[in-house]
Amino acid sequence: MLILGLLGAMLRTTIAGTRKARFSVTGVLKSDALRPMLGTLVEMVEDRTLIPVIDRVYALADLIEAHRHMERVTSAVKSS
């Protein structure tokens, strides 16, 4: 579900920002479309071609720093 605040942020970044807001909702797809995607993920985990990497663990009180770390790591992966 798209709320007005999020829609406003997306419009502002599209018009005036250098960084773009993106939005996707997984639950919008029908289960018939999601089922094959989930099956693919399960197969990848079973085949060990998709392996989650947990490099750090943060306390809930450090949520902001954890999110910053995730953003740094994600942007580093995208740029390589």
N, C-alpha and C. Protein backbone atom coordinates (compact mmCIF):
# COMPACT_ATOMS: atom_id res chain seq x y z
N MET A 1 0.84 -1.17 0.00
CA MET A 1 0.00 0.00 0.00
C MET A 1 0.89 1.23 0.00
N LEU A 2 0.61 2.14 -0.86
CA LEU A 2 1.38 3.36 -1.00
C LEU A 2 0.72 4.46 -0.19
N ILE A 3 1.44 5.02 0.76
CA ILE A 3 0.86 6.10 1.57
C ILE A 3 1.29 7.44 1.02
N LEU A 4 0.54 8.48 1.35
CA LEU A 4 0.80 9.80 0.78
C LEU A 4 2.18 10.33 1.12
N GLY A 5 2.66 10.12 2.34
CA GLY A 5 3.99 10.60 2.71
C GLY A 5 5.07 10.00 1.84
N LEU A 6 4.96 8.70 1.59
CA LEU A 6 5.94 8.02 0.75
C LEU A 6 5.84 8.51 -0.69
N LEU A 7 4.63 8.67 -1.16
CA LEU A 7 4.43 9.18 -2.51
C LEU A 7 5.04 10.58 -2.65
N GLY A 8 4.84 11.42 -1.63
CA GLY A 8 5.43 12.76 -1.65
C GLY A 8 6.94 12.72 -1.70
N ALA A 9 7.54 11.83 -0.91
CA ALA A 9 9.00 11.69 -0.92
C ALA A 9 9.50 11.23 -2.28
N MET A 10 8.79 10.31 -2.89
CA MET A 10 9.19 9.83 -4.21
C MET A 10 9.13 10.95 -5.24
N LEU A 11 8.08 11.74 -5.18
CA LEU A 11 7.94 12.85 -6.12
C LEU A 11 9.02 13.91 -5.90
N ARG A 12 9.29 14.24 -4.62
CA ARG A 12 10.32 15.25 -4.33
C ARG A 12 11.68 14.81 -4.85
N THR A 13 12.05 13.56 -4.61
CA THR A 13 13.38 13.12 -5.05
C THR A 13 13.45 13.01 -6.57
N THR A 14 12.33 12.69 -7.19
CA THR A 14 12.31 12.61 -8.65
C THR A 14 12.51 13.98 -9.27
N ILE A 15 11.88 14.99 -8.69
CA ILE A 15 11.92 16.34 -9.26
C ILE A 15 13.20 17.07 -8.88
N ALA A 16 13.58 17.03 -7.60
CA ALA A 16 14.64 17.92 -7.14
C ALA A 16 15.85 17.21 -6.55
N GLY A 17 15.79 15.94 -6.31
CA GLY A 17 16.88 15.28 -5.61
C GLY A 17 17.89 14.63 -6.52
N THR A 18 19.07 14.38 -5.94
CA THR A 18 20.08 13.64 -6.68
C THR A 18 19.95 12.15 -6.41
N ARG A 19 19.39 11.80 -5.25
CA ARG A 19 19.13 10.40 -4.93
C ARG A 19 17.65 10.13 -5.19
N LYS A 20 17.34 8.99 -5.71
CA LYS A 20 15.98 8.66 -6.08
C LYS A 20 15.37 7.68 -5.08
N ALA A 21 14.14 7.94 -4.67
CA ALA A 21 13.41 7.03 -3.79
C ALA A 21 12.78 5.95 -4.66
N ARG A 22 12.89 4.72 -4.21
CA ARG A 22 12.27 3.61 -4.92
C ARG A 22 11.34 2.89 -3.97
N PHE A 23 10.32 2.29 -4.52
CA PHE A 23 9.31 1.65 -3.69
C PHE A 23 8.82 0.41 -4.39
N SER A 24 8.75 -0.67 -3.66
CA SER A 24 8.14 -1.88 -4.22
C SER A 24 7.39 -2.60 -3.09
N VAL A 25 6.36 -3.27 -3.47
CA VAL A 25 5.55 -4.01 -2.51
C VAL A 25 5.46 -5.44 -3.00
N THR A 26 5.99 -6.36 -2.21
CA THR A 26 5.97 -7.75 -2.61
C THR A 26 4.57 -8.32 -2.58
N GLY A 27 3.77 -7.92 -1.61
CA GLY A 27 2.44 -8.47 -1.44
C GLY A 27 1.45 -8.09 -2.52
N VAL A 28 1.84 -7.22 -3.45
CA VAL A 28 0.93 -6.80 -4.51
C VAL A 28 0.74 -7.92 -5.53
N LEU A 29 1.75 -8.74 -5.70
CA LEU A 29 1.66 -9.83 -6.67
C LEU A 29 0.74 -10.92 -6.15
N LYS A 30 0.05 -11.56 -7.04
CA LYS A 30 -0.81 -12.69 -6.69
C LYS A 30 0.04 -13.88 -6.30
N SER A 31 -0.52 -14.77 -5.50
CA SER A 31 0.24 -15.93 -5.03
C SER A 31 0.73 -16.80 -6.18
N ASP A 32 -0.02 -16.85 -7.29
CA ASP A 32 0.42 -17.64 -8.45
C ASP A 32 1.73 -17.10 -9.02
N ALA A 33 1.95 -15.79 -8.92
CA ALA A 33 3.19 -15.18 -9.41
C ALA A 33 4.31 -15.32 -8.38
N LEU A 34 3.95 -15.27 -7.10
CA LEU A 34 4.96 -15.35 -6.04
C LEU A 34 5.49 -16.76 -5.82
N ARG A 35 4.63 -17.76 -6.00
CA ARG A 35 5.01 -19.14 -5.71
C ARG A 35 6.25 -19.59 -6.49
N PRO A 36 6.36 -19.34 -7.80
CA PRO A 36 7.59 -19.74 -8.51
C PRO A 36 8.83 -18.99 -8.02
N MET A 37 8.65 -17.73 -7.65
CA MET A 37 9.78 -16.96 -7.13
C MET A 37 10.28 -17.55 -5.82
N LEU A 38 9.35 -17.90 -4.94
CA LEU A 38 9.73 -18.51 -3.66
C LEU A 38 10.38 -19.86 -3.90
N GLY A 39 9.85 -20.62 -4.86
CA GLY A 39 10.45 -21.91 -5.20
C GLY A 39 11.88 -21.75 -5.67
N THR A 40 12.15 -20.71 -6.46
CA THR A 40 13.50 -20.45 -6.92
C THR A 40 14.43 -20.12 -5.76
N LEU A 41 13.94 -19.30 -4.83
CA LEU A 41 14.76 -18.97 -3.65
C LEU A 41 15.06 -20.21 -2.82
N VAL A 42 14.07 -21.05 -2.61
CA VAL A 42 14.27 -22.29 -1.84
C VAL A 42 15.30 -23.16 -2.53
N GLU A 43 15.20 -23.32 -3.84
CA GLU A 43 16.18 -24.12 -4.59
C GLU A 43 17.58 -23.55 -4.45
N MET A 44 17.70 -22.23 -4.52
CA MET A 44 19.02 -21.60 -4.41
C MET A 44 19.63 -21.83 -3.04
N VAL A 45 18.82 -21.76 -2.00
CA VAL A 45 19.32 -22.02 -0.64
C VAL A 45 19.73 -23.48 -0.52
N GLU A 46 18.89 -24.38 -1.02
CA GLU A 46 19.21 -25.82 -0.95
C GLU A 46 20.47 -26.15 -1.74
N ASP A 47 20.65 -25.52 -2.91
CA ASP A 47 21.84 -25.76 -3.74
C ASP A 47 23.06 -25.00 -3.26
N ARG A 48 22.86 -24.18 -2.25
CA ARG A 48 23.93 -23.34 -1.69
C ARG A 48 24.47 -22.34 -2.71
N THR A 49 23.61 -21.90 -3.65
CA THR A 49 24.00 -20.83 -4.55
C THR A 49 23.56 -19.48 -4.00
N LEU A 50 22.70 -19.51 -3.00
CA LEU A 50 22.30 -18.30 -2.28
C LEU A 50 22.65 -18.52 -0.82
N ILE A 51 23.66 -17.82 -0.36
CA ILE A 51 24.12 -17.99 1.02
C ILE A 51 24.09 -16.65 1.72
N PRO A 52 23.23 -16.50 2.74
CA PRO A 52 23.19 -15.23 3.47
C PRO A 52 24.50 -15.01 4.23
N VAL A 53 24.93 -13.76 4.27
CA VAL A 53 26.16 -13.41 4.97
C VAL A 53 25.79 -12.48 6.13
N ILE A 54 26.10 -12.91 7.34
CA ILE A 54 25.87 -12.08 8.52
C ILE A 54 27.25 -11.71 9.04
N ASP A 55 27.65 -10.47 8.77
CA ASP A 55 29.00 -10.06 9.16
C ASP A 55 29.04 -9.37 10.51
N ARG A 56 27.87 -8.90 10.98
CA ARG A 56 27.81 -8.24 12.29
C ARG A 56 26.44 -8.46 12.90
N VAL A 57 26.41 -8.38 14.22
CA VAL A 57 25.15 -8.46 14.95
C VAL A 57 25.07 -7.24 15.84
N TYR A 58 23.93 -6.54 15.79
CA TYR A 58 23.74 -5.33 16.57
C TYR A 58 22.62 -5.52 17.58
N ALA A 59 22.75 -4.85 18.71
CA ALA A 59 21.66 -4.81 19.69
C ALA A 59 20.56 -3.91 19.13
N LEU A 60 19.34 -4.14 19.57
CA LEU A 60 18.23 -3.33 19.10
C LEU A 60 18.45 -1.85 19.36
N ALA A 61 19.11 -1.53 20.44
CA ALA A 61 19.40 -0.13 20.77
C ALA A 61 20.32 0.52 19.73
N ASP A 62 21.05 -0.29 18.98
CA ASP A 62 21.97 0.21 17.95
C ASP A 62 21.38 0.10 16.55
N LEU A 63 20.07 0.14 16.47
CA LEU A 63 19.38 -0.03 15.19
C LEU A 63 19.83 0.97 14.14
N ILE A 64 20.01 2.21 14.53
CA ILE A 64 20.40 3.24 13.56
C ILE A 64 21.78 2.94 12.98
N GLU A 65 22.71 2.58 13.82
CA GLU A 65 24.05 2.25 13.32
C GLU A 65 24.02 0.99 12.46
N ALA A 66 23.19 0.03 12.82
CA ALA A 66 23.05 -1.19 12.01
C ALA A 66 22.54 -0.85 10.62
N HIS A 67 21.58 0.03 10.55
CA HIS A 67 21.03 0.42 9.25
C HIS A 67 22.07 1.17 8.43
N ARG A 68 22.83 2.03 9.07
CA ARG A 68 23.90 2.75 8.36
C ARG A 68 24.93 1.78 7.80
N HIS A 69 25.28 0.76 8.59
CA HIS A 69 26.24 -0.24 8.13
C HIS A 69 25.69 -0.98 6.90
N MET A 70 24.42 -1.37 6.97
CA MET A 70 23.79 -2.07 5.85
C MET A 70 23.81 -1.20 4.59
N GLU A 71 23.53 0.09 4.73
CA GLU A 71 23.56 0.98 3.58
C GLU A 71 24.97 1.09 3.00
N ARG A 72 26.00 1.18 3.87
CA ARG A 72 27.37 1.26 3.38
C ARG A 72 27.75 -0.01 2.62
N VAL A 73 27.44 -1.15 3.18
CA VAL A 73 27.80 -2.42 2.56
C VAL A 73 27.05 -2.60 1.25
N THR A 74 25.76 -2.26 1.24
CA THR A 74 24.95 -2.39 0.02
C THR A 74 25.47 -1.50 -1.08
N SER A 75 25.82 -0.25 -0.75
CA SER A 75 26.32 0.65 -1.78
C SER A 75 27.68 0.21 -2.29
N ALA A 76 28.51 -0.37 -1.44
CA ALA A 76 29.82 -0.88 -1.86
C ALA A 76 29.65 -2.05 -2.83
N VAL A 77 28.69 -2.91 -2.56
CA VAL A 77 28.45 -4.06 -3.44
C VAL A 77 27.92 -3.60 -4.79
N LYS A 78 27.03 -2.62 -4.78
CA LYS A 78 26.46 -2.12 -6.03
C LYS A 78 27.50 -1.45 -6.91
N SER A 79 28.49 -0.78 -6.29
CA SER A 79 29.48 -0.06 -7.08
C SER A 79 30.61 -0.93 -7.56
N SER A 80 30.70 -2.16 -7.08
CA SER A 80 31.81 -3.03 -7.53
C SER A 80 31.43 -3.85 -8.73
